[in-house]
C-alpha atoms as a PDB file:
ATOM      1  CA  MET A   1      10.836 -81.718  47.568  1.00  0.00           C
ATOM      2  CA  MET A   2       9.199 -81.406  44.185  1.00  0.00           C
ATOM      3  CA  PRO A   3      10.527 -78.827  41.723  1.00  0.00           C
ATOM      4  CA  ASN A   4       8.094 -76.166  40.389  1.00  0.00           C
ATOM      5  CA  HIS A   5       6.534 -77.171  37.100  1.00  0.00           C
ATOM      6  CA  PRO A   6       6.999 -74.627  34.272  1.00  0.00           C
ATOM      7  CA  GLY A   7       3.205 -74.723  33.659  1.00  0.00           C
ATOM      8  CA  ASN A   8       2.403 -73.734  37.181  1.00  0.00           C
ATOM      9  CA  GLN A   9       4.759 -70.759  36.990  1.00  0.00           C
ATOM     10  CA  SER A  10       3.095 -69.545  33.720  1.00  0.00           C
ATOM     11  CA  ALA A  11      -0.340 -69.839  35.396  1.00  0.00           C
ATOM     12  CA  LYS A  12       0.794 -67.760  38.364  1.00  0.00           C
ATOM     13  CA  LYS A  13       2.213 -65.068  36.092  1.00  0.00           C
ATOM     14  CA  GLY A  14      -1.068 -64.980  34.189  1.00  0.00           C
ATOM     15  CA  ASN A  15      -3.071 -64.558  37.368  1.00  0.00           C
ATOM     16  CA  CYS A  16      -0.835 -61.703  38.525  1.00  0.00           C
ATOM     17  CA  CYS A  17      -1.212 -59.967  35.163  1.00  0.00           C
ATOM     18  CA  CYS A  18      -5.009 -60.259  35.463  1.00  0.00           C
ATOM     19  CA  ILE A  19      -5.073 -58.910  38.934  1.00  0.00           C
ATOM     20  CA  ALA A  20      -2.785 -55.999  37.946  1.00  0.00           C
ATOM     21  CA  SER A  21      -5.027 -55.247  34.956  1.00  0.00           C
ATOM     22  CA  VAL A  22      -8.105 -55.216  37.157  1.00  0.00           C
ATOM     23  CA  VAL A  23      -6.446 -52.925  39.690  1.00  0.00           C
ATOM     24  CA  ILE A  24      -5.203 -50.581  37.013  1.00  0.00           C
ATOM     25  CA  GLY A  25      -8.582 -50.536  35.298  1.00  0.00           C
ATOM     26  CA  THR A  26     -10.367 -49.804  38.593  1.00  0.00           C
ATOM     27  CA  VAL A  27      -8.005 -46.932  39.345  1.00  0.00           C
ATOM     28  CA  VAL A  28      -8.485 -45.439  35.848  1.00  0.00           C
ATOM     29  CA  LEU A  29     -12.280 -45.642  36.282  1.00  0.00           C
ATOM     30  CA  LEU A  30     -12.103 -43.971  39.696  1.00  0.00           C
ATOM     31  CA  LEU A  31      -9.832 -41.249  38.385  1.00  0.00           C
ATOM     32  CA  GLY A  32     -12.186 -40.701  35.451  1.00  0.00           C
ATOM     33  CA  ALA A  33     -15.229 -40.527  37.702  1.00  0.00           C
ATOM     34  CA  LEU A  34     -13.421 -38.141  40.049  1.00  0.00           C
ATOM     35  CA  THR A  35     -12.410 -35.926  37.126  1.00  0.00           C
ATOM     36  CA  LEU A  36     -16.050 -35.787  35.846  1.00  0.00           C
ATOM     37  CA  TRP A  37     -17.280 -34.992  39.357  1.00  0.00           C
ATOM     38  CA  TYR A  38     -14.727 -32.214  39.828  1.00  0.00           C
ATOM     39  CA  PHE A  39     -15.394 -30.486  36.512  1.00  0.00           C
ATOM     40  CA  LEU A  40     -19.159 -31.083  36.187  1.00  0.00           C
ATOM     41  CA  MET A  41     -20.347 -30.745  39.785  1.00  0.00           C
ATOM     42  CA  TYR A  42     -17.792 -29.443  42.278  1.00  0.00           C
ATOM     43  CA  LEU A  43     -16.228 -26.635  40.216  1.00  0.00           C
ATOM     44  CA  PRO A  44     -19.555 -25.062  39.050  1.00  0.00           C
ATOM     45  CA  SER A  45     -21.002 -25.145  42.597  1.00  0.00           C
ATOM     46  CA  LYS A  46     -17.800 -23.636  43.983  1.00  0.00           C
ATOM     47  CA  LYS A  47     -17.974 -20.752  41.534  1.00  0.00           C
ATOM     48  CA  LYS A  48     -21.629 -20.102  42.406  1.00  0.00           C
ATOM     49  CA  GLU A  49     -20.747 -20.095  46.131  1.00  0.00           C
ATOM     50  CA  GLU A  50     -17.866 -17.624  45.580  1.00  0.00           C
ATOM     51  CA  GLN A  51     -20.098 -15.335  43.526  1.00  0.00           C
ATOM     52  CA  GLY A  52     -22.779 -15.441  46.250  1.00  0.00           C
ATOM     53  CA  ASN A  53     -20.257 -14.626  48.940  1.00  0.00           C
ATOM     54  CA  LYS A  54     -18.838 -11.819  46.841  1.00  0.00           C
ATOM     55  CA  HIS A  55     -22.307 -10.239  46.425  1.00  0.00           C
ATOM     56  CA  SER A  56     -23.111 -10.786  50.077  1.00  0.00           C
ATOM     57  CA  ASN A  57     -19.896  -9.190  51.263  1.00  0.00           C
ATOM     58  CA  LYS A  58     -20.395  -6.313  48.874  1.00  0.00           C
ATOM     59  CA  ASP A  59     -23.936  -5.692  50.232  1.00  0.00           C
ATOM     60  CA  ASP A  60     -22.741  -5.912  53.837  1.00  0.00           C
ATOM     61  CA  LYS A  61     -19.911  -3.482  53.123  1.00  0.00           C
ATOM     62  CA  LYS A  62     -22.328  -1.132  51.434  1.00  0.00           C
ATOM     63  CA  GLN A  63     -24.725  -1.101  54.395  1.00  0.00           C
ATOM     64  CA  ASN A  64     -21.883  -0.648  56.906  1.00  0.00           C
ATOM     65  CA  THR A  65     -20.624   2.462  55.046  1.00  0.00           C
ATOM     66  CA  LEU A  66     -24.022   4.120  54.487  1.00  0.00           C
ATOM     67  CA  ASP A  67     -24.215   6.101  57.731  1.00  0.00           C
ATOM     68  CA  GLY A  68     -26.299   9.201  56.992  1.00  0.00           C
ATOM     69  CA  VAL A  69     -27.099   8.145  53.416  1.00  0.00           C
ATOM     70  CA  PHE A  70     -30.267   6.157  54.132  1.00  0.00           C
ATOM     71  CA  THR A  71     -33.766   6.642  55.442  1.00  0.00           C
ATOM     72  CA  TRP A  72     -36.218   4.416  57.319  1.00  0.00           C
ATOM     73  CA  GLN A  73     -39.605   3.818  55.687  1.00  0.00           C
ATOM     74  CA  PHE A  74     -42.881   2.035  56.429  1.00  0.00           C
ATOM     75  CA  GLN A  75     -45.296   0.532  53.848  1.00  0.00           C
ATOM     76  CA  ASP A  76     -48.677   2.153  54.094  1.00  0.00           C
ATOM     77  CA  ARG A  77     -51.889   0.298  53.475  1.00  0.00           C
ATOM     78  CA  ASP A  78     -52.022   1.718  49.952  1.00  0.00           C
ATOM     79  CA  GLY A  79     -48.789  -0.207  49.225  1.00  0.00           C
ATOM     80  CA  LYS A  80     -46.579   2.874  49.002  1.00  0.00           C
ATOM     81  CA  TRP A  81     -43.482   3.376  51.106  1.00  0.00           C
ATOM     82  CA  LYS A  82     -43.339   6.530  53.252  1.00  0.00           C
ATOM     83  CA  SER A  83     -40.398   7.903  55.137  1.00  0.00           C
ATOM     84  CA  TYR A  84     -40.201   8.486  58.891  1.00  0.00           C
ATOM     85  CA  ASP A  85     -39.112  11.807  60.261  1.00  0.00           C
ATOM     86  CA  SER A  86     -35.506  12.243  61.277  1.00  0.00           C
ATOM     87  CA  ALA A  87     -36.127  11.739  64.959  1.00  0.00           C
ATOM     88  CA  SER A  88     -38.009   8.470  64.426  1.00  0.00           C
ATOM     89  CA  SER A  89     -35.346   7.307  61.928  1.00  0.00           C
ATOM     90  CA  LYS A  90     -32.596   7.777  64.586  1.00  0.00           C
ATOM     91  CA  GLU A  91     -34.536   5.731  67.136  1.00  0.00           C
ATOM     92  CA  ILE A  92     -35.154   2.926  64.607  1.00  0.00           C
ATOM     93  CA  GLU A  93     -31.521   2.978  63.419  1.00  0.00           C
ATOM     94  CA  ALA A  94     -30.225   2.652  66.982  1.00  0.00           C
ATOM     95  CA  SER A  95     -32.436  -0.433  67.455  1.00  0.00           C
ATOM     96  CA  PHE A  96     -31.305  -1.827  64.087  1.00  0.00           C
ATOM     97  CA  GLN A  97     -27.585  -1.453  64.968  1.00  0.00           C
ATOM     98  CA  LYS A  98     -28.197  -3.035  68.392  1.00  0.00           C
ATOM     99  CA  PHE A  99     -29.883  -6.035  66.689  1.00  0.00           C
ATOM    100  CA  ARG A 100     -26.854  -6.472  64.455  1.00  0.00           C
ATOM    101  CA  GLU A 101     -24.695  -6.669  67.555  1.00  0.00           C
ATOM    102  CA  THR A 102     -26.867  -8.845  69.763  1.00  0.00           C
ATOM    103  CA  LYS A 103     -28.968 -10.760  67.230  1.00  0.00           C
ATOM    104  CA  THR A 104     -31.987 -10.296  69.579  1.00  0.00           C
ATOM    105  CA  THR A 105     -35.300  -8.525  68.844  1.00  0.00           C
ATOM    106  CA  GLN A 106     -35.200  -4.790  69.480  1.00  0.00           C
ATOM    107  CA  VAL A 107     -38.144  -2.382  69.809  1.00  0.00           C
ATOM    108  CA  ALA A 108     -38.028   1.335  68.966  1.00  0.00           C
ATOM    109  CA  LYS A 109     -40.779   3.491  70.462  1.00  0.00           C
ATOM    110  CA  ILE A 110     -41.725   6.489  68.324  1.00  0.00           C
ATOM    111  CA  SER A 111     -44.515   9.069  68.246  1.00  0.00           C
ATOM    112  CA  VAL A 112     -45.928  11.340  65.520  1.00  0.00           C
ATOM    113  CA  SER A 113     -47.732  14.607  66.049  1.00  0.00           C
ATOM    114  CA  THR A 114     -50.946  15.011  64.050  1.00  0.00           C
ATOM    115  CA  SER A 115     -53.747  17.516  63.814  1.00  0.00           C
ATOM    116  CA  VAL A 116     -55.814  15.400  66.278  1.00  0.00           C
ATOM    117  CA  GLY A 117     -53.020  14.651  68.788  1.00  0.00           C
ATOM    118  CA  GLU A 118     -49.993  12.495  69.248  1.00  0.00           C
ATOM    119  CA  LEU A 119     -49.944   8.981  67.816  1.00  0.00           C
ATOM    120  CA  LYS A 120     -47.606   6.348  69.255  1.00  0.00           C
ATOM    121  CA  PHE A 121     -46.057   3.304  67.567  1.00  0.00           C
ATOM    122  CA  GLU A 122     -43.577   0.539  68.209  1.00  0.00           C
ATOM    123  CA  VAL A 123     -41.108  -0.603  65.540  1.00  0.00           C
ATOM    124  CA  GLU A 124     -39.953  -4.154  66.147  1.00  0.00           C
ATOM    125  CA  ILE A 125     -36.571  -5.024  64.546  1.00  0.00           C
ATOM    126  CA  THR A 126     -36.265  -8.778  63.890  1.00  0.00           C
ATOM    127  CA  SER A 127     -33.724  -8.970  61.085  1.00  0.00           C
ATOM    128  CA  ASP A 128     -30.448  -7.385  59.939  1.00  0.00           C
ATOM    129  CA  LYS A 129     -31.662  -7.459  56.314  1.00  0.00           C
ATOM    130  CA  PRO A 130     -32.293  -3.781  55.455  1.00  0.00           C
ATOM    131  CA  LEU A 131     -35.257  -4.476  53.154  1.00  0.00           C
ATOM    132  CA  LYS A 132     -36.969  -6.831  55.639  1.00  0.00           C
ATOM    133  CA  ALA A 133     -35.952  -5.328  58.962  1.00  0.00           C
ATOM    134  CA  GLY A 134     -39.193  -5.762  60.903  1.00  0.00           C
ATOM    135  CA  LYS A 135     -42.683  -4.385  61.536  1.00  0.00           C
ATOM    136  CA  GLN A 136     -44.378  -1.249  62.882  1.00  0.00           C
ATOM    137  CA  TYR A 137     -47.261  -1.655  65.302  1.00  0.00           C
ATOM    138  CA  SER A 138     -49.856   0.982  66.279  1.00  0.00           C
ATOM    139  CA  LEU A 139     -50.568   1.313  69.975  1.00  0.00           C
ATOM    140  CA  VAL A 140     -54.247   1.131  71.085  1.00  0.00           C
ATOM    141  CA  TYR A 141     -55.766   4.522  71.841  1.00  0.00           C
ATOM    142  CA  ASP A 142     -58.074   4.642  74.890  1.00  0.00           C
ATOM    143  CA  LYS A 143     -60.994   6.841  73.943  1.00  0.00           C
ATOM    144  CA  ILE A 144     -62.195   7.152  77.575  1.00  0.00           C
ATOM    145  CA  SER A 145     -58.943   8.409  79.077  1.00  0.00           C
ATOM    146  CA  GLY A 146     -57.771  10.060  75.912  1.00  0.00           C
ATOM    147  CA  SER A 147     -54.378   8.268  76.060  1.00  0.00           C
ATOM    148  CA  HIS A 148     -52.604   5.206  74.711  1.00  0.00           C
ATOM    149  CA  SER A 149     -53.025   1.979  76.680  1.00  0.00           C
ATOM    150  CA  GLY A 150     -49.641   0.656  75.700  1.00  0.00           C
ATOM    151  CA  GLU A 151     -51.108  -2.423  74.015  1.00  0.00           C
ATOM    152  CA  ARG A 152     -50.502  -3.121  70.352  1.00  0.00           C
ATOM    153  CA  SER A 153     -53.326  -3.042  67.898  1.00  0.00           C
ATOM    154  CA  SER A 154     -53.822  -5.563  65.145  1.00  0.00           C
ATOM    155  CA  VAL A 155     -52.573  -3.069  62.583  1.00  0.00           C
ATOM    156  CA  SER A 156     -48.930  -3.597  61.437  1.00  0.00           C
ATOM    157  CA  ARG A 157     -46.752  -2.224  58.678  1.00  0.00           C
ATOM    158  CA  ASP A 158     -43.533  -3.542  57.093  1.00  0.00           C
ATOM    159  CA  VAL A 159     -40.484  -1.332  57.633  1.00  0.00           C
ATOM    160  CA  ARG A 160     -37.185  -1.100  55.711  1.00  0.00           C
ATOM    161  CA  ARG A 161     -33.884   0.695  55.664  1.00  0.00           C
ATOM    162  CA  TRP A 162     -33.832   2.381  52.285  1.00  0.00           C
ATOM    163  CA  ASP A 163     -30.833   3.932  50.530  1.00  0.00           C
ATOM    164  CA  LYS A 164     -31.299   7.386  49.038  1.00  0.00           C
ATOM    165  CA  VAL A 165     -31.155   7.332  45.241  1.00  0.00           C
ATOM    166  CA  VAL A 166     -27.673   8.169  43.909  1.00  0.00           C
ATOM    167  CA  VAL A 167     -27.089   8.269  40.182  1.00  0.00           C
ATOM    168  CA  LYS A 168     -23.552   8.071  38.787  1.00  0.00           C
ATOM    169  CA  PRO A 169     -23.446   9.358  35.181  1.00  0.00           C
ATOM    170  CA  GLN A 170     -20.715   8.240  32.749  1.00  0.00           C
ATOM    171  CA  THR A 171     -18.912  11.539  33.279  1.00  0.00           C
ATOM    172  CA  GLY A 172     -18.019  10.379  36.781  1.00  0.00           C
ATOM    173  CA  LYS A 173     -19.958  13.091  38.552  1.00  0.00           C
ATOM    174  CA  ILE A 174     -22.421  12.145  41.306  1.00  0.00           C
ATOM    175  CA  ASN A 175     -25.922  13.518  41.115  1.00  0.00           C
ATOM    176  CA  VAL A 176     -28.382  13.027  44.008  1.00  0.00           C
ATOM    177  CA  LYS A 177     -32.015  12.617  42.867  1.00  0.00           C
ATOM    178  CA  ILE A 178     -34.134  15.057  44.900  1.00  0.00           C
ATOM    179  CA  THR A 179     -37.926  15.406  44.748  1.00  0.00           C
ATOM    180  CA  PRO A 180     -38.791  18.966  43.694  1.00  0.00           C
ATOM    181  CA  ALA A 181     -40.061  21.049  46.610  1.00  0.00           C
ATOM    182  CA  ARG A 182     -43.610  22.296  46.672  1.00  0.00           C
ATOM    183  CA  ASP A 183     -44.202  25.963  45.962  1.00  0.00           C
ATOM    184  CA  ALA A 184     -46.486  26.184  49.019  1.00  0.00           C
ATOM    185  CA  ARG A 185     -47.721  23.903  51.803  1.00  0.00           C
ATOM    186  CA  TRP A 186     -50.695  23.552  54.163  1.00  0.00           C
ATOM    187  CA  GLU A 187     -50.096  23.687  57.885  1.00  0.00           C
ATOM    188  CA  PHE A 188     -52.149  23.302  61.083  1.00  0.00           C
ATOM    189  CA  GLU A 189     -51.633  24.980  64.465  1.00  0.00           C
ATOM    190  CA  GLU A 190     -50.841  22.518  67.219  1.00  0.00           C
ATOM    191  CA  SER A 191     -53.269  24.211  69.579  1.00  0.00           C
ATOM    192  CA  GLN A 192     -55.443  27.276  69.171  1.00  0.00           C
ATOM    193  CA  GLY A 193     -53.259  30.367  69.592  1.00  0.00           C
ATOM    194  CA  SER A 194     -50.048  28.462  70.299  1.00  0.00           C
ATOM    195  CA  GLY A 195     -48.254  29.886  67.279  1.00  0.00           C
ATOM    196  CA  LYS A 196     -46.636  26.498  66.620  1.00  0.00           C
ATOM    197  CA  TRP A 197     -47.415  25.276  63.067  1.00  0.00           C
ATOM    198  CA  LYS A 198     -46.808  21.803  61.543  1.00  0.00           C
ATOM    199  CA  PRO A 199     -47.310  20.685  57.930  1.00  0.00           C
ATOM    200  CA  PHE A 200     -50.023  18.222  56.969  1.00  0.00           C
ATOM    201  CA  ARG A 201     -48.968  14.840  55.587  1.00  0.00           C
ATOM    202  CA  ASP A 202     -48.284  14.654  51.813  1.00  0.00           C
ATOM    203  CA  ALA A 203     -51.621  12.871  51.100  1.00  0.00           C
ATOM    204  CA  CYS A 204     -53.517  15.657  52.921  1.00  0.00           C
ATOM    205  CA  GLN A 205     -51.491  18.322  51.057  1.00  0.00           C
ATOM    206  CA  LYS A 206     -52.792  16.966  47.757  1.00  0.00           C
ATOM    207  CA  THR A 207     -56.363  16.767  49.017  1.00  0.00           C
ATOM    208  CA  LEU A 208     -56.300  20.329  50.359  1.00  0.00           C
ATOM    209  CA  ASP A 209     -54.844  21.603  47.107  1.00  0.00           C
ATOM    210  CA  ALA A 210     -57.564  19.852  45.117  1.00  0.00           C
ATOM    211  CA  GLN A 211     -60.410  20.957  47.411  1.00  0.00           C
ATOM    212  CA  SER A 212     -59.268  24.572  47.373  1.00  0.00           C
ATOM    213  CA  LYS A 213     -60.012  24.693  43.643  1.00  0.00           C
ATOM    214  CA  LYS A 214     -63.604  23.402  44.103  1.00  0.00           C
ATOM    215  CA  ALA A 215     -66.733  25.378  44.995  1.00  0.00           C
ATOM    216  CA  ALA A 216     -67.474  23.427  48.219  1.00  0.00           C
ATOM    217  CA  LYS A 217     -65.034  24.752  50.811  1.00  0.00           C
ATOM    218  CA  ILE A 218     -66.325  22.609  53.731  1.00  0.00           C
ATOM    219  CA  PHE A 219     -65.557  18.904  53.733  1.00  0.00           C
ATOM    220  CA  ASP A 220     -64.520  15.952  55.891  1.00  0.00           C
ATOM    221  CA  MET A 221     -60.976  14.579  55.546  1.00  0.00           C
ATOM    222  CA  ASP A 222     -59.045  11.656  57.094  1.00  0.00           C
ATOM    223  CA  ILE A 223     -55.855  13.303  58.420  1.00  0.00           C
ATOM    224  CA  GLN A 224     -53.657  10.238  57.859  1.00  0.00           C
ATOM    225  CA  TYR A 225     -54.443   9.398  54.265  1.00  0.00           C
ATOM    226  CA  GLY A 226     -56.168  12.507  52.936  1.00  0.00           C
ATOM    227  CA  ARG A 227     -59.392  10.700  51.969  1.00  0.00           C
ATOM    228  CA  THR A 228     -62.683  12.540  51.782  1.00  0.00           C
ATOM    229  CA  ASP A 229     -64.947   9.495  51.378  1.00  0.00           C
ATOM    230  CA  VAL A 230     -64.614   8.154  54.955  1.00  0.00           C
ATOM    231  CA  SER A 231     -67.138   8.244  57.822  1.00  0.00           C
ATOM    232  CA  ASP A 232     -66.015   5.489  60.200  1.00  0.00           C
ATOM    233  CA  HIS A 233     -64.580   7.299  63.207  1.00  0.00           C
ATOM    234  CA  ASN A 234     -63.293   4.055  64.757  1.00  0.00           C
ATOM    235  CA  LYS A 235     -61.051   3.330  61.767  1.00  0.00           C
ATOM    236  CA  PHE A 236     -60.110   6.855  60.623  1.00  0.00           C
ATOM    237  CA  ARG A 237     -59.121  10.114  62.260  1.00  0.00           C
ATOM    238  CA  ILE A 238     -61.489  12.559  60.609  1.00  0.00           C
ATOM    239  CA  VAL A 239     -61.641  16.382  60.733  1.00  0.00           C
ATOM    240  CA  THR A 240     -64.059  18.796  59.175  1.00  0.00           C
ATOM    241  CA  VAL A 241     -62.079  21.370  57.135  1.00  0.00           C
ATOM    242  CA  ASP A 242     -63.440  24.880  56.398  1.00  0.00           C
ATOM    243  CA  LEU A 243     -61.196  26.531  53.808  1.00  0.00           C
ATOM    244  CA  THR A 244     -63.113  29.797  54.085  1.00  0.00           C
ATOM    245  CA  LYS A 245     -62.524  30.181  57.842  1.00  0.00           C
ATOM    246  CA  LYS A 246     -59.192  28.339  57.582  1.00  0.00           C
ATOM    247  CA  THR A 247     -60.049  25.942  60.387  1.00  0.00           C
ATOM    248  CA  GLN A 248     -60.305  22.164  61.018  1.00  0.00           C
ATOM    249  CA  THR A 249     -62.552  20.582  63.633  1.00  0.00           C
ATOM    250  CA  SER A 250     -61.893  17.071  64.999  1.00  0.00           C
ATOM    251  CA  LYS A 251     -64.709  14.497  64.679  1.00  0.00           C
ATOM    252  CA  THR A 252     -62.981  11.578  66.383  1.00  0.00           C
ATOM    253  CA  ASN A 253     -64.610   9.611  69.214  1.00  0.00           C
ATOM    254  CA  SER A 254     -62.102  10.755  71.841  1.00  0.00           C
ATOM    255  CA  GLY A 255     -61.144  13.656  73.998  1.00  0.00           C
ATOM    256  CA  GLU A 256     -60.191  15.506  70.764  1.00  0.00           C
ATOM    257  CA  ASN A 257     -63.760  15.501  69.501  1.00  0.00           C
ATOM    258  CA  GLY A 258     -64.916  19.050  68.677  1.00  0.00           C
ATOM    259  CA  VAL A 259     -61.457  20.572  69.032  1.00  0.00           C
ATOM    260  CA  THR A 260     -60.869  23.305  66.452  1.00  0.00           C
ATOM    261  CA  ARG A 261     -57.451  24.296  65.088  1.00  0.00           C
ATOM    262  CA  ASN A 262     -56.374  27.006  62.656  1.00  0.00           C
ATOM    263  CA  ILE A 263     -54.962  25.995  59.328  1.00  0.00           C
ATOM    264  CA  ARG A 264     -53.029  28.082  56.756  1.00  0.00           C
ATOM    265  CA  HIS A 265     -51.512  27.959  53.290  1.00  0.00           C
ATOM    266  CA  VAL A 266     -47.942  29.347  53.258  1.00  0.00           C
ATOM    267  CA  ALA A 267     -45.308  29.704  50.576  1.00  0.00           C
ATOM    268  CA  ASN A 268     -42.136  27.694  50.873  1.00  0.00           C
ATOM    269  CA  LYS A 269     -38.899  29.678  51.103  1.00  0.00           C
ATOM    270  CA  PRO A 270     -36.766  29.182  47.971  1.00  0.00           C
ATOM    271  CA  LYS A 271     -33.488  27.395  48.616  1.00  0.00           C
ATOM    272  CA  LYS A 272     -30.195  28.044  46.815  1.00  0.00           C
ATOM    273  CA  ALA A 273     -29.327  25.410  44.219  1.00  0.00           C
ATOM    274  CA  ILE A 274     -25.922  23.790  44.550  1.00  0.00           C
ATOM    275  CA  CYS A 275     -23.951  23.490  41.408  1.00  0.00           C
ATOM    276  CA  GLN A 276     -21.832  20.450  40.589  1.00  0.00           C
ATOM    277  CA  HIS A 277     -18.577  22.389  40.974  1.00  0.00           C
ATOM    278  CA  GLY A 278     -19.604  23.390  44.545  1.00  0.00           C
ATOM    279  CA  GLY A 279     -20.788  26.973  43.930  1.00  0.00           C
ATOM    280  CA  SER A 280     -24.331  28.300  44.346  1.00  0.00           C
ATOM    281  CA  THR A 281     -26.767  30.010  41.996  1.00  0.00           C
END
């Protein structure tokens, strides 16, 4: 048996030191790379994710606690958003809440009474995002039978669940922004001699106000958008208004053609204003 040579032992120690240095150096590099990744990539992305979740949870909480403080609206072809009546809003809200529970498409069937008859629509809810909830579709009107066929037309409108405007001043008081009421409004009688009156749409109110100040008291008007420059009876629901006789006569190509209804201009009843401290003036 040969004894270990001192030179061989020194070489082995040198090799061990080299290996240890390489291992230590590799570990240091890995720790450095991991530190850079954590502070430069992981931490910033984590903060963004937390902020996003915070805003998302805040929005969800806001929507879940807004019962009775919102309104449903559709975007008209002029780009403006218009509110549904309370009955239609309830139907749409019920479908919206059911979609949130089931995550399946829901359809709300609504109808609107106009001066030329009842119009029917379907509101399809396809999302739980309030500002992009779904679409409204008009139902095809059968001119021969004078009724809706139940089929959807190609006309659709975006719908949304819109929060009423609430302003919180620095004083801490809450003021609700309310559109000033009109001093008077135009109404039409549902059927001749029925005694049941309904207001015209806002667009028609403006048109009637403007036309009442002009010399020509007889004119054609689209009862949906208040336009007086329309003549296509297939696209618009047109009536001839006589402000002297206070009547409107339907000119649509349907069973309503030639039907005359009374119209009137009535003053709105003043409402008591509510003070911030809860009293009335």
